[in-house]
Protein backbone atom coordinates (compact mmCIF):
# COMPACT_ATOMS: atom_id res chain seq x y z
CA MET A 1 17.03 16.69 0.73
CA ASN A 2 18.24 19.28 -1.88
CA ALA A 3 15.76 20.25 -4.56
CA ASN A 4 18.45 19.43 -7.14
CA SER A 5 19.27 16.04 -5.66
CA ASP A 6 19.02 14.22 -8.90
CA GLN A 7 21.38 16.58 -10.67
CA ILE A 8 23.93 16.51 -7.86
CA ILE A 9 23.94 12.78 -7.83
CA GLN A 10 24.28 12.49 -11.64
CA ALA A 11 27.27 15.01 -11.49
CA LEU A 12 29.00 13.29 -8.64
CA LEU A 13 28.74 9.93 -10.44
CA ALA A 14 30.44 11.29 -13.70
CA PRO A 15 34.19 11.23 -14.54
CA TRP A 16 34.44 14.87 -14.23
CA PRO A 17 31.66 16.32 -12.05
CA MET A 18 32.32 20.03 -12.80
CA PHE A 19 31.14 19.44 -16.34
CA ARG A 20 27.70 18.19 -15.30
CA HIS A 21 25.17 20.73 -13.99
CA PRO A 22 28.04 23.14 -13.05
CA LEU A 23 25.80 25.83 -11.30
CA VAL A 24 24.02 23.33 -9.15
CA LEU A 25 27.25 21.57 -8.27
CA ALA A 26 28.92 24.89 -7.48
CA ARG A 27 26.23 25.58 -4.89
CA PHE A 28 26.61 22.12 -3.54
CA GLY A 29 30.36 22.57 -3.38
CA ARG A 30 30.22 25.39 -1.03
CA ASN A 31 29.35 22.97 1.73
CA ALA A 32 30.69 19.81 0.23
CA MET A 33 34.39 21.05 0.13
CA ARG A 34 34.28 21.73 3.90
CA SER A 35 35.45 19.23 6.49
CA ALA A 36 32.67 16.98 7.85
CA SER A 37 33.57 18.17 11.38
CA GLY A 38 33.20 21.88 10.57
CA LEU A 39 30.04 21.47 8.60
CA ALA A 40 28.53 19.27 11.41
CA ARG A 41 29.31 21.91 14.07
CA SER A 42 28.24 24.88 12.06
CA ARG A 43 25.12 23.56 10.36
CA PHE A 44 23.55 20.97 12.63
CA GLN A 45 21.89 21.50 16.05
CA GLY A 46 22.18 18.89 18.70
CA GLU A 47 24.57 15.96 19.18
CA PRO A 48 22.37 13.31 17.52
CA ALA A 49 22.28 15.27 14.30
CA ARG A 50 26.00 15.86 14.30
CA ALA A 51 26.76 12.24 15.07
CA LEU A 52 24.35 11.12 12.30
CA PHE A 53 26.20 13.27 9.76
CA ALA A 54 29.58 12.20 11.04
CA GLY A 55 28.71 8.56 10.48
CA LEU A 56 27.73 9.22 6.88
CA ALA A 57 31.00 11.17 6.31
CA ALA A 58 33.08 8.43 8.02
CA HIS A 59 32.37 6.08 5.07
CA SER A 60 35.15 8.20 3.45
CA ASN A 61 37.77 6.46 5.69
CA VAL A 62 39.46 9.84 5.97
CA PRO A 63 39.80 11.98 9.24
CA LEU A 64 36.66 14.08 9.47
CA GLU A 65 38.70 17.17 9.93
CA ALA A 66 40.05 16.87 6.36
CA PRO A 67 38.73 19.02 3.50
CA ALA A 68 35.89 17.73 1.50
CA THR A 69 34.90 15.03 3.89
CA ALA A 70 31.55 16.77 4.15
CA SER A 71 30.93 15.72 0.57
CA PHE A 72 30.62 12.06 1.44
CA GLY A 73 28.16 12.74 4.22
CA LEU A 74 26.03 15.00 1.96
CA LEU A 75 26.03 12.56 -0.87
CA LEU A 76 25.12 9.55 1.26
CA ALA A 77 22.51 11.60 2.93
CA GLN A 78 20.87 12.55 -0.40
CA LEU A 79 20.95 9.00 -1.76
CA GLY A 80 19.24 7.83 1.32
CA HIS A 81 16.41 10.35 0.66
CA VAL A 82 16.28 9.85 -3.07
CA VAL A 83 16.77 6.17 -3.62
CA GLY A 84 17.36 4.75 -0.07
CA TRP A 85 20.26 2.32 0.80
CA PRO A 86 18.93 -0.80 -0.90
CA PHE A 87 20.67 -4.17 -0.91
CA PRO A 88 20.10 -7.33 -3.07
CA ARG A 89 18.01 -10.19 -1.86
CA GLY A 90 20.16 -13.26 -1.23
CA GLY A 91 23.39 -11.30 -0.94
CA ALA A 92 25.86 -9.27 -3.07
CA GLN A 93 26.59 -12.39 -5.10
CA LYS A 94 23.43 -11.92 -6.76
CA PHE A 95 24.81 -8.87 -8.58
CA THR A 96 27.49 -11.09 -10.16
CA ASP A 97 25.00 -13.80 -10.90
CA ALA A 98 22.69 -11.48 -12.78
CA LEU A 99 25.56 -9.95 -14.83
CA VAL A 100 26.91 -13.29 -15.79
CA SER A 101 23.61 -14.60 -16.61
CA TYR A 102 22.85 -11.63 -18.88
CA ALA A 103 26.41 -11.80 -20.46
CA THR A 104 26.04 -15.59 -21.10
CA SER A 105 22.70 -15.01 -22.92
CA LEU A 106 24.57 -12.80 -25.23
CA GLY A 107 27.12 -15.53 -26.05
CA VAL A 108 29.98 -14.26 -23.63
CA HIS A 109 32.13 -16.86 -22.24
CA VAL A 110 33.01 -16.28 -18.55
CA GLU A 111 36.20 -17.91 -17.12
CA THR A 112 37.14 -17.59 -13.45
CA GLY A 113 39.79 -19.04 -11.19
CA ALA A 114 42.61 -18.24 -13.51
CA ARG A 115 45.14 -15.72 -12.13
CA VAL A 116 46.31 -13.14 -14.67
CA ASP A 117 49.76 -11.57 -13.93
CA ASP A 118 50.78 -10.68 -17.28
CA ILE A 119 48.49 -8.97 -19.97
CA ASP A 120 50.30 -10.84 -22.82
CA ARG A 121 49.04 -14.13 -21.40
CA LEU A 122 45.57 -13.24 -22.30
CA PRO A 123 43.97 -14.31 -25.64
CA PRO A 124 44.25 -11.69 -28.34
CA ALA A 125 41.55 -8.90 -27.90
CA ARG A 126 40.86 -5.55 -29.30
CA VAL A 127 40.15 -4.26 -25.81
CA VAL A 128 41.08 -5.37 -22.31
CA LEU A 129 39.39 -3.91 -19.23
CA LEU A 130 41.23 -4.49 -15.99
CA ASP A 131 39.33 -4.30 -12.69
CA VAL A 132 42.49 -3.82 -10.64
CA THR A 133 44.26 -1.04 -8.71
CA PRO A 134 47.31 0.90 -10.02
CA ARG A 135 49.75 -1.45 -8.26
CA GLN A 136 48.36 -4.58 -10.16
CA LEU A 137 48.09 -2.55 -13.28
CA LEU A 138 51.81 -1.81 -13.32
CA ALA A 139 52.54 -5.47 -12.70
CA ILE A 140 50.17 -6.84 -15.32
CA ALA A 141 50.55 -4.24 -18.08
CA GLY A 142 53.22 -1.81 -17.06
CA GLU A 143 55.35 -2.38 -20.22
CA ARG A 144 52.40 -1.03 -22.36
CA LEU A 145 52.16 2.29 -20.37
CA THR A 146 54.21 5.37 -20.88
CA ILE A 147 57.17 6.12 -18.56
CA GLY A 148 55.12 9.22 -17.26
CA ASP A 149 52.02 7.16 -16.65
CA ARG A 150 54.02 4.54 -14.81
CA ARG A 151 55.54 7.30 -12.60
CA ALA A 152 52.10 8.72 -11.97
CA LEU A 153 50.56 5.38 -11.10
CA SER A 154 53.44 4.49 -8.83
CA ARG A 155 52.49 7.54 -6.63
CA PHE A 156 48.83 6.41 -6.15
CA ARG A 157 47.94 6.45 -2.52
CA TYR A 158 45.94 3.78 -0.70
CA GLY A 159 43.73 4.43 2.28
CA ARG A 160 43.32 2.86 5.74
CA GLY A 161 42.23 -0.78 6.11
CA VAL A 162 39.25 -2.41 7.66
CA PHE A 163 38.79 -5.22 10.08
CA LYS A 164 35.67 -7.22 9.44
CA ILE A 165 33.47 -9.71 11.33
CA ASP A 166 30.71 -11.80 9.93
CA PHE A 167 28.36 -13.12 12.61
CA ALA A 168 25.90 -16.02 12.75
CA LEU A 169 23.29 -15.19 15.48
CA SER A 170 20.57 -17.13 17.31
CA ALA A 171 18.41 -14.00 17.45
CA PRO A 172 18.19 -10.42 16.20
CA ILE A 173 20.67 -7.94 17.77
CA PRO A 174 18.89 -6.79 21.03
CA TRP A 175 19.28 -3.10 20.56
CA LYS A 176 18.49 -0.81 23.60
CA THR A 177 16.58 1.43 21.21
CA PRO A 178 14.05 -0.87 19.35
CA ALA A 179 13.80 1.50 16.43
CA ILE A 180 17.40 0.49 15.31
CA SER A 181 15.91 -2.79 14.19
CA ARG A 182 14.15 -0.99 11.42
CA ALA A 183 17.48 -0.10 9.80
CA ALA A 184 19.52 -2.49 7.61
CA THR A 185 22.69 -0.39 8.07
CA VAL A 186 23.63 0.88 11.49
CA HIS A 187 26.44 3.34 12.35
CA LEU A 188 27.80 2.82 15.91
CA GLY A 189 29.24 6.10 17.10
CA PRO A 190 27.25 8.04 19.67
CA THR A 191 28.86 11.51 19.35
CA LEU A 192 30.69 13.56 16.72
CA GLU A 193 33.67 13.75 19.00
CA GLU A 194 33.90 9.93 19.43
CA ILE A 195 33.65 9.25 15.71
CA GLU A 196 36.28 12.02 14.94
CA ALA A 197 38.73 10.23 17.47
CA SER A 198 38.06 6.81 15.86
CA GLU A 199 38.58 8.06 12.28
CA LYS A 200 41.76 10.00 12.91
CA SER A 201 43.58 7.58 15.21
CA SER A 202 47.04 6.50 13.97
CA THR A 203 46.68 3.38 16.09
CA PRO A 204 43.73 0.93 16.15
CA PRO A 205 40.92 2.75 18.28
CA GLU A 206 39.84 1.53 21.60
CA ARG A 207 36.21 2.69 20.81
CA PRO A 208 35.98 2.15 17.14
CA PHE A 209 33.34 3.68 14.80
CA VAL A 210 31.50 0.62 13.69
CA LEU A 211 29.60 0.05 10.44
CA LEU A 212 27.13 -2.82 10.80
CA ALA A 213 24.61 -4.44 8.55
CA GLN A 214 21.60 -6.65 9.72
CA HIS A 215 20.14 -7.69 6.42
CA SER A 216 18.49 -10.87 7.78
CA LEU A 217 15.92 -8.79 9.47
CA PHE A 218 14.53 -7.96 6.04
CA ASP A 219 15.75 -10.74 3.87
CA PRO A 220 15.02 -14.26 5.28
CA THR A 221 17.31 -15.87 2.63
CA ARG A 222 20.32 -14.65 4.59
CA ALA A 223 19.99 -17.13 7.50
CA PRO A 224 18.21 -20.35 8.50
CA SER A 225 14.73 -20.09 9.79
CA GLY A 226 14.69 -18.43 13.27
CA GLN A 227 18.30 -17.29 13.07
CA HIS A 228 20.09 -14.26 11.80
CA THR A 229 23.28 -12.91 10.31
CA ALA A 230 25.07 -9.65 10.68
CA TRP A 231 28.38 -8.19 9.64
CA ALA A 232 30.45 -5.35 11.11
CA TYR A 233 33.65 -3.62 10.31
CA CYS A 234 35.77 -0.72 11.70
CA HIS A 235 38.73 1.38 10.14
CA VAL A 236 42.14 0.51 11.09
CA PRO A 237 45.62 1.63 9.94
CA GLN A 238 46.69 0.12 6.66
CA GLY A 239 48.13 -3.29 7.17
CA SER A 240 47.21 -3.33 10.84
CA THR A 241 47.62 -6.68 12.59
CA GLN A 242 45.49 -5.81 15.69
CA ASP A 243 42.73 -8.18 16.51
CA MET A 244 39.64 -5.95 16.73
CA THR A 245 37.10 -8.57 17.50
CA THR A 246 36.66 -7.78 21.19
CA ARG A 247 36.63 -4.00 20.53
CA ILE A 248 33.96 -4.27 17.90
CA GLU A 249 31.84 -6.72 19.91
CA GLN A 250 32.10 -4.39 22.96
CA GLN A 251 30.93 -1.37 20.86
CA ILE A 252 27.93 -3.40 19.76
CA GLU A 253 27.18 -4.69 23.33
CA ARG A 254 27.42 -1.06 24.45
CA PHE A 255 24.30 -0.34 22.47
CA ALA A 256 22.73 -3.75 22.49
CA PRO A 257 23.20 -5.49 25.97
CA GLY A 258 23.19 -9.31 25.48
CA PHE A 259 24.45 -9.16 22.08
CA ARG A 260 27.23 -11.65 22.78
CA ASN A 261 24.80 -14.09 24.06
CA THR A 262 23.40 -14.32 20.45
CA ILE A 263 26.61 -15.13 18.73
CA LEU A 264 26.65 -18.68 17.41
CA ALA A 265 29.74 -18.32 15.23
CA ARG A 266 31.95 -15.59 13.87
CA HIS A 267 34.40 -15.22 10.96
CA THR A 268 36.98 -12.40 11.17
CA MET A 269 39.04 -10.82 8.40
CA THR A 270 42.18 -8.69 9.09
CA PRO A 271 43.54 -6.24 6.49
CA ALA A 272 45.96 -9.01 5.49
CA ASN A 273 43.08 -11.54 5.21
CA LEU A 274 41.22 -9.11 2.97
CA GLU A 275 44.20 -8.49 0.67
CA ALA A 276 44.72 -12.24 0.38
CA TYR A 277 41.00 -12.65 -0.53
CA ASN A 278 41.04 -9.81 -3.05
CA ALA A 279 44.34 -8.48 -4.26
CA ASN A 280 42.74 -5.03 -4.85
CA TYR A 281 42.39 -4.54 -1.08
CA ILE A 282 45.77 -3.20 -0.59
CA GLY A 283 46.63 -3.21 3.16
CA GLY A 284 42.86 -3.86 3.80
CA ASP A 285 41.77 -0.71 1.80
CA ILE A 286 38.47 -1.76 0.24
CA SER A 287 37.94 1.59 -1.51
CA GLY A 288 40.54 1.12 -4.25
CA GLY A 289 42.55 4.09 -2.95
CA SER A 290 42.70 6.91 -0.48
CA ASN A 291 39.72 9.33 -0.53
CA ASP A 292 41.61 12.33 0.71
CA TRP A 293 40.29 15.40 -0.95
CA THR A 294 42.41 15.53 -4.06
CA GLN A 295 42.55 11.84 -5.18
CA PRO A 296 38.89 11.29 -5.84
CA LEU A 297 39.14 13.93 -8.59
CA THR A 298 42.47 12.61 -9.96
CA ARG A 299 42.25 8.86 -9.69
CA PRO A 300 44.24 7.16 -10.87
CA PHE A 301 45.94 10.22 -12.32
CA VAL A 302 44.91 13.59 -14.02
CA ARG A 303 43.50 12.95 -17.50
CA LEU A 304 40.43 13.82 -19.37
CA ASP A 305 39.85 10.05 -19.94
CA PRO A 306 41.05 8.48 -16.66
CA TYR A 307 40.01 5.01 -17.88
CA ARG A 308 42.24 4.58 -20.90
CA MET A 309 45.70 3.46 -19.86
CA ALA A 310 47.22 2.50 -23.30
CA ASP A 311 46.02 1.36 -26.65
CA GLY A 312 43.45 -1.27 -26.05
CA VAL A 313 43.94 -1.18 -22.28
CA PHE A 314 41.41 0.31 -19.88
CA LEU A 315 41.14 0.50 -16.12
CA CYS A 316 37.56 -0.05 -14.83
CA SER A 317 38.04 -0.49 -11.11
CA SER A 318 37.05 1.73 -8.03
CA SER A 319 40.66 3.29 -8.51
CA THR A 320 38.86 5.40 -11.27
CA PRO A 321 36.15 7.97 -11.01
CA PRO A 322 33.73 8.17 -9.21
CA GLY A 323 35.48 5.83 -6.81
CA ALA A 324 34.24 3.05 -4.55
CA GLY A 325 30.56 2.25 -4.10
CA VAL A 326 27.84 -0.04 -5.14
CA HIS A 327 27.20 1.94 -8.23
CA GLY A 328 28.88 0.27 -11.09
CA MET A 329 29.81 3.66 -12.63
CA CYS A 330 33.50 3.04 -12.98
CA GLY A 331 32.91 0.02 -15.25
CA TYR A 332 30.16 1.83 -16.93
CA HIS A 333 32.37 4.86 -17.80
CA ALA A 334 35.34 2.60 -18.67
CA ALA A 335 33.16 0.59 -21.07
CA ARG A 336 31.88 3.77 -22.79
CA SER A 337 35.47 4.95 -23.15
CA ALA A 338 36.45 1.71 -24.82
CA LEU A 339 33.45 1.71 -27.15
CA ARG A 340 34.28 5.15 -28.41
CA ARG A 341 37.56 3.92 -29.53
CA LEU A 342 36.07 0.67 -31.03
CA VAL A 343 33.64 2.51 -33.26
CA LYS A 344 36.20 4.91 -34.65
């Protein structure tokens, strides 16, 4: 853990990191702007340490040889040390439930289940915040944007997709290494080289790097008494139609012999299923856009205020800084941007 971890985290969760704690961030950047592959090989001794770092950096969903992929590994490692990787009791829906409950207590009316495909169909409002990606923004509010902004948004790049499986299990996953049962999040990739090969593959990998969560070990509300749940996903090319069920389960079985015997039921989601479930997941990209080394700093385009799209129209999704993650900072910064204009 870096002695300046708090300042680094504060900077990286800001719209323009270089303006927050610049000296601390400059020192961090010497390693962060490197490729995860290069940093792992030069700074970590032993295959387990290199594989651990590679798994953290692979959350970027970008080939690990790419510039700045080390930043993802370094940030996630520091977050693990400073605050851990917490998850909500009862499931992620609890986040939404809590926000809706608080908003309702303030007199807010919440309406769901109504598809919005044109901003002019919304009731009159001084401010509209859109939790969408640039593709939907252009469709919903494109006429309110300048020609230059429309061109910039049309060039926005989306990342690779994911293939996800939700499992109902009769028992905890029988890991060969019992200590793995003490982790809510597990990265299945034994070596740096294997994770590299999975993340740079232009076709669905035979041995995918698998991200797995086993929350029911720590949260009994996730499953009926005596049973368990888990979910796992791997990265695939955008829009891939390859069924990765067998490959993901083989990868889990490789480290947990007997895993298949615990499966009571499974539910799979291809990139197309994910996009049908949430239109923001273009081609199965759950990050709101590619995380290659330039776009995290320029999403959705280069602007001092990357949240304001037009008069009264703001973008608050993970397609804005600081990008995808369970942090809520995209909405926070978009709301502050809107408030600055409301109080003028």
